[in-house]
PDB file of N, CA and C in Angstrom:
ATOM      1  N   MET A   1    -123.026 -29.010  56.959  1.00  0.00           N
ATOM      2  CA  MET A   1    -123.448 -27.900  57.932  1.00  0.00           C
ATOM      3  C   MET A   1    -123.243 -26.544  57.947  1.00  0.00           C
ATOM      4  N   ASN A   2    -123.966 -25.620  58.012  1.00  0.00           N
ATOM      5  CA  ASN A   2    -123.813 -24.238  57.970  1.00  0.00           C
ATOM      6  C   ASN A   2    -123.457 -23.424  59.158  1.00  0.00           C
ATOM      7  N   LEU A   3    -122.343 -22.840  59.379  1.00  0.00           N
ATOM      8  CA  LEU A   3    -122.185 -22.144  60.183  1.00  0.00           C
ATOM      9  C   LEU A   3    -122.038 -20.890  60.080  1.00  0.00           C
ATOM     10  N   THR A   4    -122.645 -20.044  60.754  1.00  0.00           N
ATOM     11  CA  THR A   4    -122.746 -18.302  60.644  1.00  0.00           C
ATOM     12  C   THR A   4    -122.292 -17.861  62.145  1.00  0.00           C
ATOM     13  N   ILE A   5    -121.686 -16.955  61.894  1.00  0.00           N
ATOM     14  CA  ILE A   5    -121.185 -16.260  63.108  1.00  0.00           C
ATOM     15  C   ILE A   5    -121.207 -14.878  63.038  1.00  0.00           C
ATOM     16  N   SER A   6    -122.046 -14.293  63.747  1.00  0.00           N
ATOM     17  CA  SER A   6    -121.861 -12.901  63.724  1.00  0.00           C
ATOM     18  C   SER A   6    -122.154 -11.801  64.947  1.00  0.00           C
ATOM     19  N   GLY A   7    -121.809 -10.650  64.852  1.00  0.00           N
ATOM     20  CA  GLY A   7    -121.433  -9.781  65.881  1.00  0.00           C
ATOM     21  C   GLY A   7    -122.705  -8.546  65.758  1.00  0.00           C
ATOM     22  N   HIS A   8    -122.745  -8.200  67.296  1.00  0.00           N
ATOM     23  CA  HIS A   8    -123.662  -7.134  67.254  1.00  0.00           C
ATOM     24  C   HIS A   8    -123.215  -6.044  68.354  1.00  0.00           C
ATOM     25  N   HIS A   9    -122.877  -4.912  67.726  1.00  0.00           N
ATOM     26  CA  HIS A   9    -121.976  -3.938  68.381  1.00  0.00           C
ATOM     27  C   HIS A   9    -120.628  -4.276  68.814  1.00  0.00           C
ATOM     28  N   LEU A  10    -120.235  -5.351  67.808  1.00  0.00           N
ATOM     29  CA  LEU A  10    -118.734  -6.068  67.936  1.00  0.00           C
ATOM     30  C   LEU A  10    -118.220  -6.230  66.627  1.00  0.00           C
ATOM     31  N   GLU A  11    -116.795  -5.770  66.527  1.00  0.00           N
ATOM     32  CA  GLU A  11    -115.990  -6.548  65.467  1.00  0.00           C
ATOM     33  C   GLU A  11    -115.481  -7.596  65.388  1.00  0.00           C
ATOM     34  N   LEU A  12    -115.728  -8.728  64.420  1.00  0.00           N
ATOM     35  CA  LEU A  12    -115.492 -10.109  65.133  1.00  0.00           C
ATOM     36  C   LEU A  12    -114.158 -10.126  64.143  1.00  0.00           C
ATOM     37  N   THR A  13    -113.079 -10.712  64.965  1.00  0.00           N
ATOM     38  CA  THR A  13    -111.606 -10.779  64.474  1.00  0.00           C
ATOM     39  C   THR A  13    -111.657 -12.177  64.263  1.00  0.00           C
ATOM     40  N   PRO A  14    -110.567 -12.411  63.362  1.00  0.00           N
ATOM     41  CA  PRO A  14    -110.269 -13.623  63.018  1.00  0.00           C
ATOM     42  C   PRO A  14    -109.922 -14.926  64.510  1.00  0.00           C
ATOM     43  N   ALA A  15    -109.157 -14.149  65.513  1.00  0.00           N
ATOM     44  CA  ALA A  15    -109.074 -14.951  66.853  1.00  0.00           C
ATOM     45  C   ALA A  15    -110.592 -15.232  67.293  1.00  0.00           C
ATOM     46  N   ILE A  16    -111.605 -14.538  67.516  1.00  0.00           N
ATOM     47  CA  ILE A  16    -112.839 -14.707  67.665  1.00  0.00           C
ATOM     48  C   ILE A  16    -113.585 -15.902  67.293  1.00  0.00           C
ATOM     49  N   ARG A  17    -113.532 -15.754  65.943  1.00  0.00           N
ATOM     50  CA  ARG A  17    -114.046 -16.919  64.784  1.00  0.00           C
ATOM     51  C   ARG A  17    -113.339 -18.086  65.051  1.00  0.00           C
ATOM     52  N   GLU A  18    -112.111 -17.951  65.268  1.00  0.00           N
ATOM     53  CA  GLU A  18    -111.098 -19.253  65.488  1.00  0.00           C
ATOM     54  C   GLU A  18    -111.502 -20.025  66.809  1.00  0.00           C
ATOM     55  N   HIS A  19    -111.922 -19.115  68.006  1.00  0.00           N
ATOM     56  CA  HIS A  19    -111.929 -19.600  69.322  1.00  0.00           C
ATOM     57  C   HIS A  19    -113.449 -20.411  69.023  1.00  0.00           C
ATOM     58  N   VAL A  20    -114.731 -19.911  68.466  1.00  0.00           N
ATOM     59  CA  VAL A  20    -115.798 -20.103  68.126  1.00  0.00           C
ATOM     60  C   VAL A  20    -115.786 -21.631  67.656  1.00  0.00           C
ATOM     61  N   THR A  21    -115.093 -21.634  66.577  1.00  0.00           N
ATOM     62  CA  THR A  21    -115.204 -22.798  65.888  1.00  0.00           C
ATOM     63  C   THR A  21    -114.388 -23.865  66.477  1.00  0.00           C
ATOM     64  N   ASN A  22    -113.140 -23.344  66.752  1.00  0.00           N
ATOM     65  CA  ASN A  22    -112.455 -24.746  67.754  1.00  0.00           C
ATOM     66  C   ASN A  22    -113.378 -25.335  68.873  1.00  0.00           C
ATOM     67  N   LYS A  23    -114.375 -24.543  69.444  1.00  0.00           N
ATOM     68  CA  LYS A  23    -115.197 -25.328  70.362  1.00  0.00           C
ATOM     69  C   LYS A  23    -116.327 -25.543  69.988  1.00  0.00           C
ATOM     70  N   LEU A  24    -116.908 -25.385  68.882  1.00  0.00           N
ATOM     71  CA  LEU A  24    -117.895 -26.214  68.110  1.00  0.00           C
ATOM     72  C   LEU A  24    -117.867 -27.574  67.444  1.00  0.00           C
ATOM     73  N   GLU A  25    -116.380 -27.921  67.666  1.00  0.00           N
ATOM     74  CA  GLU A  25    -115.690 -29.188  67.218  1.00  0.00           C
ATOM     75  C   GLU A  25    -116.395 -30.136  68.403  1.00  0.00           C
ATOM     76  N   ARG A  26    -116.068 -29.754  69.605  1.00  0.00           N
ATOM     77  CA  ARG A  26    -116.948 -30.686  70.734  1.00  0.00           C
ATOM     78  C   ARG A  26    -118.236 -30.996  70.501  1.00  0.00           C
ATOM     79  N   ILE A  27    -119.020 -30.170  69.804  1.00  0.00           N
ATOM     80  CA  ILE A  27    -120.335 -30.298  69.472  1.00  0.00           C
ATOM     81  C   ILE A  27    -120.619 -31.581  68.313  1.00  0.00           C
ATOM     82  N   LYS A  28    -119.624 -31.465  67.478  1.00  0.00           N
ATOM     83  CA  LYS A  28    -119.836 -32.020  66.293  1.00  0.00           C
ATOM     84  C   LYS A  28    -118.901 -33.393  66.426  1.00  0.00           C
ATOM     85  N   ARG A  29    -118.005 -33.435  67.705  1.00  0.00           N
ATOM     86  CA  ARG A  29    -117.876 -34.966  68.025  1.00  0.00           C
ATOM     87  C   ARG A  29    -118.667 -35.509  68.611  1.00  0.00           C
ATOM     88  N   HIS A  30    -119.655 -34.838  69.278  1.00  0.00           N
ATOM     89  CA  HIS A  30    -120.998 -35.716  70.145  1.00  0.00           C
ATOM     90  C   HIS A  30    -122.088 -35.873  68.940  1.00  0.00           C
ATOM     91  N   PHE A  31    -122.279 -35.329  68.313  1.00  0.00           N
ATOM     92  CA  PHE A  31    -123.425 -35.469  67.433  1.00  0.00           C
ATOM     93  C   PHE A  31    -123.580 -34.572  66.153  1.00  0.00           C
ATOM     94  N   ASP A  32    -123.153 -35.371  65.140  1.00  0.00           N
ATOM     95  CA  ASP A  32    -122.578 -34.721  64.022  1.00  0.00           C
ATOM     96  C   ASP A  32    -123.793 -34.677  62.713  1.00  0.00           C
ATOM     97  N   HIS A  33    -125.453 -34.982  63.407  1.00  0.00           N
ATOM     98  CA  HIS A  33    -126.280 -34.342  62.221  1.00  0.00           C
ATOM     99  C   HIS A  33    -126.896 -33.015  62.558  1.00  0.00           C
ATOM    100  N   VAL A  34    -126.202 -32.275  62.702  1.00  0.00           N
ATOM    101  CA  VAL A  34    -126.338 -31.160  62.564  1.00  0.00           C
ATOM    102  C   VAL A  34    -126.506 -30.409  61.474  1.00  0.00           C
ATOM    103  N   ILE A  35    -127.822 -29.437  61.108  1.00  0.00           N
ATOM    104  CA  ILE A  35    -128.006 -28.759  59.973  1.00  0.00           C
ATOM    105  C   ILE A  35    -127.592 -27.488  60.028  1.00  0.00           C
ATOM    106  N   ASP A  36    -127.717 -26.728  60.719  1.00  0.00           N
ATOM    107  CA  ASP A  36    -127.460 -25.308  60.957  1.00  0.00           C
ATOM    108  C   ASP A  36    -127.033 -24.627  62.203  1.00  0.00           C
ATOM    109  N   ILE A  37    -125.748 -23.752  62.549  1.00  0.00           N
ATOM    110  CA  ILE A  37    -125.546 -23.112  63.735  1.00  0.00           C
ATOM    111  C   ILE A  37    -125.263 -21.641  63.078  1.00  0.00           C
ATOM    112  N   ALA A  38    -126.263 -20.890  64.158  1.00  0.00           N
ATOM    113  CA  ALA A  38    -126.395 -19.459  63.970  1.00  0.00           C
ATOM    114  C   ALA A  38    -125.455 -18.858  65.354  1.00  0.00           C
ATOM    115  N   VAL A  39    -124.288 -18.310  65.214  1.00  0.00           N
ATOM    116  CA  VAL A  39    -123.811 -17.930  66.754  1.00  0.00           C
ATOM    117  C   VAL A  39    -124.179 -16.572  66.751  1.00  0.00           C
ATOM    118  N   ILE A  40    -124.231 -15.796  67.622  1.00  0.00           N
ATOM    119  CA  ILE A  40    -124.711 -14.208  67.616  1.00  0.00           C
ATOM    120  C   ILE A  40    -123.651 -13.963  69.252  1.00  0.00           C
ATOM    121  N   LEU A  41    -122.741 -13.263  68.843  1.00  0.00           N
ATOM    122  CA  LEU A  41    -122.103 -12.382  69.971  1.00  0.00           C
ATOM    123  C   LEU A  41    -122.484 -11.009  69.997  1.00  0.00           C
ATOM    124  N   THR A  42    -122.698 -10.554  71.054  1.00  0.00           N
ATOM    125  CA  THR A  42    -123.184  -9.065  71.434  1.00  0.00           C
ATOM    126  C   THR A  42    -122.390  -8.629  72.506  1.00  0.00           C
ATOM    127  N   VAL A  43    -122.004  -7.110  72.308  1.00  0.00           N
ATOM    128  CA  VAL A  43    -121.543  -6.225  73.719  1.00  0.00           C
ATOM    129  C   VAL A  43    -123.048  -5.551  73.852  1.00  0.00           C
ATOM    130  N   ASP A  44    -123.585  -6.019  75.136  1.00  0.00           N
ATOM    131  CA  ASP A  44    -124.701  -5.077  75.612  1.00  0.00           C
ATOM    132  C   ASP A  44    -124.396  -3.965  76.651  1.00  0.00           C
ATOM    133  N   LYS A  45    -125.034  -2.994  76.698  1.00  0.00           N
ATOM    134  CA  LYS A  45    -124.948  -1.928  77.627  1.00  0.00           C
ATOM    135  C   LYS A  45    -126.116  -2.068  78.659  1.00  0.00           C
ATOM    136  N   LEU A  46    -125.556  -3.393  79.790  1.00  0.00           N
ATOM    137  CA  LEU A  46    -126.406  -3.706  80.889  1.00  0.00           C
ATOM    138  C   LEU A  46    -126.219  -2.616  81.939  1.00  0.00           C
ATOM    139  N   PRO A  47    -127.183  -2.426  82.806  1.00  0.00           N
ATOM    140  CA  PRO A  47    -126.262  -1.500  84.250  1.00  0.00           C
ATOM    141  C   PRO A  47    -125.361  -2.062  84.820  1.00  0.00           C
ATOM    142  N   GLU A  48    -125.401  -3.634  85.064  1.00  0.00           N
ATOM    143  CA  GLU A  48    -124.461  -4.147  85.732  1.00  0.00           C
ATOM    144  C   GLU A  48    -123.258  -4.684  85.065  1.00  0.00           C
ATOM    145  N   LYS A  49    -122.219  -3.909  85.594  1.00  0.00           N
ATOM    146  CA  LYS A  49    -120.710  -3.747  84.368  1.00  0.00           C
ATOM    147  C   LYS A  49    -119.998  -5.067  84.393  1.00  0.00           C
ATOM    148  N   GLU A  50    -120.181  -5.876  85.209  1.00  0.00           N
ATOM    149  CA  GLU A  50    -119.729  -7.414  85.162  1.00  0.00           C
ATOM    150  C   GLU A  50    -120.250  -8.295  84.240  1.00  0.00           C
ATOM    151  N   LYS A  51    -121.440  -8.120  83.647  1.00  0.00           N
ATOM    152  CA  LYS A  51    -121.853  -8.874  82.468  1.00  0.00           C
ATOM    153  C   LYS A  51    -122.434  -8.194  81.546  1.00  0.00           C
ATOM    154  N   ARG A  52    -121.323  -7.901  80.807  1.00  0.00           N
ATOM    155  CA  ARG A  52    -121.770  -6.990  79.501  1.00  0.00           C
ATOM    156  C   ARG A  52    -121.457  -8.096  78.379  1.00  0.00           C
ATOM    157  N   GLN A  53    -120.672  -9.274  78.113  1.00  0.00           N
ATOM    158  CA  GLN A  53    -120.520  -9.677  77.068  1.00  0.00           C
ATOM    159  C   GLN A  53    -121.805 -10.801  76.893  1.00  0.00           C
ATOM    160  N   LYS A  54    -122.335 -10.991  75.737  1.00  0.00           N
ATOM    161  CA  LYS A  54    -123.588 -12.108  75.583  1.00  0.00           C
ATOM    162  C   LYS A  54    -123.153 -13.098  74.364  1.00  0.00           C
ATOM    163  N   ALA A  55    -123.410 -14.136  74.704  1.00  0.00           N
ATOM    164  CA  ALA A  55    -123.079 -15.048  73.642  1.00  0.00           C
ATOM    165  C   ALA A  55    -124.297 -15.721  73.455  1.00  0.00           C
ATOM    166  N   GLU A  56    -124.774 -16.267  72.433  1.00  0.00           N
ATOM    167  CA  GLU A  56    -126.231 -17.069  72.140  1.00  0.00           C
ATOM    168  C   GLU A  56    -125.955 -17.812  70.676  1.00  0.00           C
ATOM    169  N   ILE A  57    -126.770 -18.822  70.741  1.00  0.00           N
ATOM    170  CA  ILE A  57    -126.485 -19.877  69.721  1.00  0.00           C
ATOM    171  C   ILE A  57    -127.712 -20.275  69.212  1.00  0.00           C
ATOM    172  N   ASN A  58    -128.081 -20.635  67.811  1.00  0.00           N
ATOM    173  CA  ASN A  58    -129.505 -21.387  67.442  1.00  0.00           C
ATOM    174  C   ASN A  58    -128.462 -22.721  66.483  1.00  0.00           C
ATOM    175  N   LEU A  59    -128.990 -23.646  67.356  1.00  0.00           N
ATOM    176  CA  LEU A  59    -128.706 -25.049  66.788  1.00  0.00           C
ATOM    177  C   LEU A  59    -129.754 -25.494  65.930  1.00  0.00           C
ATOM    178  N   ARG A  60    -129.721 -25.698  64.847  1.00  0.00           N
ATOM    179  CA  ARG A  60    -130.958 -26.658  63.775  1.00  0.00           C
ATOM    180  C   ARG A  60    -130.684 -27.968  64.024  1.00  0.00           C
ATOM    181  N   LEU A  61    -131.276 -29.027  64.618  1.00  0.00           N
ATOM    182  CA  LEU A  61    -131.340 -30.309  64.307  1.00  0.00           C
ATOM    183  C   LEU A  61    -132.501 -31.007  63.577  1.00  0.00           C
ATOM    184  N   ARG A  62    -132.617 -32.195  62.958  1.00  0.00           N
ATOM    185  CA  ARG A  62    -133.509 -32.870  62.394  1.00  0.00           C
ATOM    186  C   ARG A  62    -134.921 -33.057  63.633  1.00  0.00           C
ATOM    187  N   GLY A  63    -135.596 -32.135  63.340  1.00  0.00           N
ATOM    188  CA  GLY A  63    -136.951 -32.179  64.726  1.00  0.00           C
ATOM    189  C   GLY A  63    -136.860 -30.950  65.837  1.00  0.00           C
ATOM    190  N   LYS A  64    -135.260 -30.690  65.727  1.00  0.00           N
ATOM    191  CA  LYS A  64    -135.846 -29.719  67.015  1.00  0.00           C
ATOM    192  C   LYS A  64    -134.508 -28.496  67.016  1.00  0.00           C
ATOM    193  N   ASP A  65    -135.020 -27.659  67.269  1.00  0.00           N
ATOM    194  CA  ASP A  65    -134.108 -26.505  67.617  1.00  0.00           C
ATOM    195  C   ASP A  65    -133.762 -26.274  68.942  1.00  0.00           C
ATOM    196  N   ILE A  66    -132.294 -25.962  68.901  1.00  0.00           N
ATOM    197  CA  ILE A  66    -131.849 -25.898  70.371  1.00  0.00           C
ATOM    198  C   ILE A  66    -131.665 -24.119  70.471  1.00  0.00           C
ATOM    199  N   HIS A  67    -131.534 -23.764  71.512  1.00  0.00           N
ATOM    200  CA  HIS A  67    -131.153 -21.987  71.508  1.00  0.00           C
ATOM    201  C   HIS A  67    -130.754 -21.888  73.279  1.00  0.00           C
ATOM    202  N   VAL A  68    -129.250 -21.470  73.072  1.00  0.00           N
ATOM    203  CA  VAL A  68    -128.664 -21.538  74.399  1.00  0.00           C
ATOM    204  C   VAL A  68    -127.907 -19.894  74.383  1.00  0.00           C
ATOM    205  N   GLU A  69    -128.125 -19.503  75.611  1.00  0.00           N
ATOM    206  CA  GLU A  69    -127.234 -18.007  75.626  1.00  0.00           C
ATOM    207  C   GLU A  69    -126.803 -18.509  76.804  1.00  0.00           C
ATOM    208  N   SER A  70    -125.395 -17.257  76.851  1.00  0.00           N
ATOM    209  CA  SER A  70    -124.643 -16.784  78.075  1.00  0.00           C
ATOM    210  C   SER A  70    -124.330 -15.516  78.302  1.00  0.00           C
ATOM    211  N   LEU A  71    -124.099 -15.053  79.330  1.00  0.00           N
ATOM    212  CA  LEU A  71    -123.512 -13.951  80.080  1.00  0.00           C
ATOM    213  C   LEU A  71    -122.039 -14.010  80.573  1.00  0.00           C
ATOM    214  N   GLY A  72    -121.063 -12.679  80.365  1.00  0.00           N
ATOM    215  CA  GLY A  72    -120.113 -12.963  80.961  1.00  0.00           C
ATOM    216  C   GLY A  72    -119.404 -11.756  80.694  1.00  0.00           C
ATOM    217  N   MET A  73    -118.253 -11.741  81.523  1.00  0.00           N
ATOM    218  CA  MET A  73    -117.321 -10.274  81.836  1.00  0.00           C
ATOM    219  C   MET A  73    -116.748 -10.390  80.497  1.00  0.00           C
ATOM    220  N   ASP A  74    -116.154 -11.669  80.181  1.00  0.00           N
ATOM    221  CA  ASP A  74    -115.322 -11.414  78.953  1.00  0.00           C
ATOM    222  C   ASP A  74    -115.862 -12.437  77.860  1.00  0.00           C
ATOM    223  N   LEU A  75    -115.765 -12.173  76.878  1.00  0.00           N
ATOM    224  CA  LEU A  75    -116.276 -12.863  75.551  1.00  0.00           C
ATOM    225  C   LEU A  75    -116.079 -14.406  75.400  1.00  0.00           C
ATOM    226  N   TYR A  76    -114.645 -14.380  75.403  1.00  0.00           N
ATOM    227  CA  TYR A  76    -114.286 -15.984  75.442  1.00  0.00           C
ATOM    228  C   TYR A  76    -114.770 -16.663  76.502  1.00  0.00           C
ATOM    229  N   ALA A  77    -115.113 -16.041  77.949  1.00  0.00           N
ATOM    230  CA  ALA A  77    -115.545 -16.766  78.975  1.00  0.00           C
ATOM    231  C   ALA A  77    -117.093 -17.285  78.569  1.00  0.00           C
ATOM    232  N   ALA A  78    -118.043 -16.323  77.962  1.00  0.00           N
ATOM    233  CA  ALA A  78    -119.333 -16.455  77.488  1.00  0.00           C
ATOM    234  C   ALA A  78    -119.267 -17.469  76.747  1.00  0.00           C
ATOM    235  N   VAL A  79    -118.444 -17.308  75.493  1.00  0.00           N
ATOM    236  CA  VAL A  79    -118.643 -18.563  74.320  1.00  0.00           C
ATOM    237  C   VAL A  79    -118.360 -20.044  75.248  1.00  0.00           C
ATOM    238  N   ASP A  80    -117.241 -20.175  76.148  1.00  0.00           N
ATOM    239  CA  ASP A  80    -117.422 -21.190  76.978  1.00  0.00           C
ATOM    240  C   ASP A  80    -118.273 -21.854  77.749  1.00  0.00           C
ATOM    241  N   THR A  81    -118.831 -21.005  78.549  1.00  0.00           N
ATOM    242  CA  THR A  81    -120.054 -21.313  79.105  1.00  0.00           C
ATOM    243  C   THR A  81    -121.036 -21.727  78.110  1.00  0.00           C
ATOM    244  N   LEU A  82    -121.047 -20.823  77.071  1.00  0.00           N
ATOM    245  CA  LEU A  82    -122.234 -21.291  75.665  1.00  0.00           C
ATOM    246  C   LEU A  82    -122.212 -22.724  75.451  1.00  0.00           C
ATOM    247  N   ILE A  83    -120.909 -23.299  74.861  1.00  0.00           N
ATOM    248  CA  ILE A  83    -120.868 -24.263  74.804  1.00  0.00           C
ATOM    249  C   ILE A  83    -120.889 -25.526  75.533  1.00  0.00           C
ATOM    250  N   ASP A  84    -120.537 -25.162  76.743  1.00  0.00           N
ATOM    251  CA  ASP A  84    -120.937 -26.262  77.891  1.00  0.00           C
ATOM    252  C   ASP A  84    -122.308 -26.199  78.111  1.00  0.00           C
ATOM    253  N   LYS A  85    -123.050 -25.416  77.839  1.00  0.00           N
ATOM    254  CA  LYS A  85    -124.584 -25.658  77.985  1.00  0.00           C
ATOM    255  C   LYS A  85    -125.155 -26.517  76.958  1.00  0.00           C
ATOM    256  N   LEU A  86    -124.696 -25.882  75.854  1.00  0.00           N
ATOM    257  CA  LEU A  86    -124.655 -26.656  74.428  1.00  0.00           C
ATOM    258  C   LEU A  86    -124.400 -28.085  74.527  1.00  0.00           C
ATOM    259  N   ASP A  87    -123.257 -28.119  74.816  1.00  0.00           N
ATOM    260  CA  ASP A  87    -123.327 -29.790  74.686  1.00  0.00           C
ATOM    261  C   ASP A  87    -123.817 -30.525  75.916  1.00  0.00           C
ATOM    262  N   ARG A  88    -124.237 -29.955  76.992  1.00  0.00           N
ATOM    263  CA  ARG A  88    -125.253 -31.008  77.923  1.00  0.00           C
ATOM    264  C   ARG A  88    -126.831 -31.155  77.213  1.00  0.00           C
ATOM    265  N   GLN A  89    -127.153 -30.237  76.359  1.00  0.00           N
ATOM    266  CA  GLN A  89    -128.515 -29.958  75.904  1.00  0.00           C
ATOM    267  C   GLN A  89    -128.365 -30.981  74.548  1.00  0.00           C
ATOM    268  N   VAL A  90    -127.268 -30.989  73.511  1.00  0.00           N
ATOM    269  CA  VAL A  90    -127.344 -32.026  72.672  1.00  0.00           C
ATOM    270  C   VAL A  90    -126.764 -33.488  73.223  1.00  0.00           C
ATOM    271  N   ILE A  91    -126.238 -33.861  74.071  1.00  0.00           N
ATOM    272  CA  ILE A  91    -126.257 -34.926  74.552  1.00  0.00           C
ATOM    273  C   ILE A  91    -127.441 -35.649  75.223  1.00  0.00           C
ATOM    274  N   LYS A  92    -128.151 -34.734  75.691  1.00  0.00           N
ATOM    275  CA  LYS A  92    -129.649 -35.169  76.324  1.00  0.00           C
ATOM    276  C   LYS A  92    -130.366 -35.059  74.988  1.00  0.00           C
ATOM    277  N   TYR A  93    -130.399 -34.568  74.165  1.00  0.00           N
ATOM    278  CA  TYR A  93    -130.999 -34.874  72.668  1.00  0.00           C
ATOM    279  C   TYR A  93    -130.892 -36.141  72.097  1.00  0.00           C
ATOM    280  N   LYS A  94    -129.497 -36.380  72.171  1.00  0.00           N
ATOM    281  CA  LYS A  94    -128.999 -37.849  71.656  1.00  0.00           C
ATOM    282  C   LYS A  94    -129.892 -38.727  72.338  1.00  0.00           C
ATOM    283  N   THR A  95    -129.275 -38.802  73.936  1.00  0.00           N
ATOM    284  CA  THR A  95    -129.724 -39.852  74.347  1.00  0.00           C
ATOM    285  C   THR A  95    -131.243 -39.919  74.413  1.00  0.00           C
ATOM    286  N   LYS A  96    -131.832 -39.020  74.254  1.00  0.00           N
ATOM    287  CA  LYS A  96    -133.713 -39.203  74.038  1.00  0.00           C
ATOM    288  C   LYS A  96    -133.652 -40.007  72.911  1.00  0.00           C
ATOM    289  N   LEU A  97    -132.982 -39.565  71.844  1.00  0.00           N
ATOM    290  CA  LEU A  97    -133.288 -39.955  70.403  1.00  0.00           C
ATOM    291  C   LEU A  97    -132.978 -41.652  70.443  1.00  0.00           C
ATOM    292  N   GLN A  98    -131.647 -41.807  71.001  1.00  0.00           N
ATOM    293  CA  GLN A  98    -131.416 -43.279  71.024  1.00  0.00           C
ATOM    294  C   GLN A  98    -132.508 -44.427  72.099  1.00  0.00           C
ATOM    295  N   ASP A  99    -132.559 -43.790  73.072  1.00  0.00           N
ATOM    296  CA  ASP A  99    -133.684 -44.089  74.081  1.00  0.00           C
ATOM    297  C   ASP A  99    -135.136 -44.274  73.309  1.00  0.00           C
ATOM    298  N   HIS A 100    -135.712 -43.677  72.360  1.00  0.00           N
ATOM    299  CA  HIS A 100    -136.837 -43.501  71.724  1.00  0.00           C
ATOM    300  C   HIS A 100    -136.436 -44.573  70.738  1.00  0.00           C
ATOM    301  N   GLN A 101    -135.600 -44.873  70.022  1.00  0.00           N
ATOM    302  CA  GLN A 101    -135.326 -45.904  69.000  1.00  0.00           C
ATOM    303  C   GLN A 101    -135.528 -47.215  69.682  1.00  0.00           C
ATOM    304  N   HIS A 102    -134.947 -47.387  70.825  1.00  0.00           N
ATOM    305  CA  HIS A 102    -135.233 -48.754  71.162  1.00  0.00           C
ATOM    306  C   HIS A 102    -136.265 -48.833  72.075  1.00  0.00           C
ATOM    307  N   ALA A 103    -137.307 -48.298  72.501  1.00  0.00           N
ATOM    308  CA  ALA A 103    -138.107 -48.094  73.157  1.00  0.00           C
ATOM    309  C   ALA A 103    -139.106 -49.166  72.882  1.00  0.00           C
ATOM    310  N   ALA A 104    -139.225 -49.695  71.573  1.00  0.00           N
ATOM    311  CA  ALA A 104    -140.249 -50.522  71.044  1.00  0.00           C
ATOM    312  C   ALA A 104    -139.802 -52.250  71.263  1.00  0.00           C
ATOM    313  N   ILE A 105    -138.263 -52.227  71.223  1.00  0.00           N
ATOM    314  CA  ILE A 105    -138.002 -53.428  71.519  1.00  0.00           C
ATOM    315  C   ILE A 105    -138.258 -54.045  73.103  1.00  0.00           C
ATOM    316  N   LYS A 106    -138.375 -52.840  73.786  1.00  0.00           N
ATOM    317  CA  LYS A 106    -138.490 -53.487  75.388  1.00  0.00           C
ATOM    318  C   LYS A 106    -139.915 -53.717  75.546  1.00  0.00           C
ATOM    319  N   HIS A 107    -140.770 -53.526  74.909  1.00  0.00           N
ATOM    320  CA  HIS A 107    -142.106 -53.997  74.862  1.00  0.00           C
ATOM    321  C   HIS A 107    -142.521 -54.921  73.997  1.00  0.00           C
ATOM    322  N   LEU A 108    -141.805 -55.566  73.331  1.00  0.00           N
ATOM    323  CA  LEU A 108    -142.162 -56.627  72.761  1.00  0.00           C
ATOM    324  C   LEU A 108    -142.578 -57.715  73.730  1.00  0.00           C
ATOM    325  N   PRO A 109    -143.740 -58.906  73.427  1.00  0.00           N
ATOM    326  CA  PRO A 109    -143.671 -60.033  74.313  1.00  0.00           C
ATOM    327  C   PRO A 109    -142.426 -60.876  74.246  1.00  0.00           C
ATOM    328  N   GLU A 110    -141.990 -61.432  75.399  1.00  0.00           N
ATOM    329  CA  GLU A 110    -141.246 -62.698  75.491  1.00  0.00           C
ATOM    330  C   GLU A 110    -141.557 -63.454  74.572  1.00  0.00           C
ATOM    331  N   ALA A 111    -140.532 -64.083  73.888  1.00  0.00           N
ATOM    332  CA  ALA A 111    -141.246 -65.177  72.949  1.00  0.00           C
ATOM    333  C   ALA A 111    -141.006 -66.577  73.994  1.00  0.00           C
ATOM    334  N   GLU A 112    -141.834 -67.431  73.690  1.00  0.00           N
ATOM    335  CA  GLU A 112    -142.237 -68.508  74.788  1.00  0.00           C
ATOM    336  C   GLU A 112    -141.288 -69.868  74.226  1.00  0.00           C
ATOM    337  N   ALA A 113    -140.620 -70.224  75.558  1.00  0.00           N
ATOM    338  CA  ALA A 113    -139.738 -71.386  75.228  1.00  0.00           C
ATOM    339  C   ALA A 113    -140.331 -72.464  74.691  1.00  0.00           C
ATOM    340  N   PRO A 114    -140.186 -73.358  73.492  1.00  0.00           N
ATOM    341  CA  PRO A 114    -140.771 -74.584  73.450  1.00  0.00           C
ATOM    342  C   PRO A 114    -140.941 -75.594  74.240  1.00  0.00           C
ATOM    343  N   ALA A 115    -141.950 -76.158  74.441  1.00  0.00           N
ATOM    344  CA  ALA A 115    -141.998 -77.446  75.367  1.00  0.00           C
ATOM    345  C   ALA A 115    -141.253 -78.564  74.853  1.00  0.00           C
ATOM    346  N   ALA A 116    -140.584 -79.230  75.635  1.00  0.00           N
ATOM    347  CA  ALA A 116    -139.847 -80.457  74.921  1.00  0.00           C
ATOM    348  C   ALA A 116    -140.130 -81.866  75.756  1.00  0.00           C
TER     349      ALA A 116
END
């Protein structure tokens, strides 16, 4: 799994890097078939003063790309809400994969009992 963390209009400190990697452990725990993760942290000059910190992530899985973004007053809060959103989407994708793999078994005709 490749992890890329970049910052726009922001200097990435080791504390921010460590916080993001620790939060991404939750995603790896739920679904370990992740190919590539790209995290972009930005400080936007938005008119609303309360939502200037933006965190977004691109997660490449086999057969699907997931993009999530969140805004917040604090960069750490934006990362936390980002990981919550991403976790929900990864769990949803995982259940779809599991349901799809077992869907063929449901549609098999039932075996008839032998007549005695």
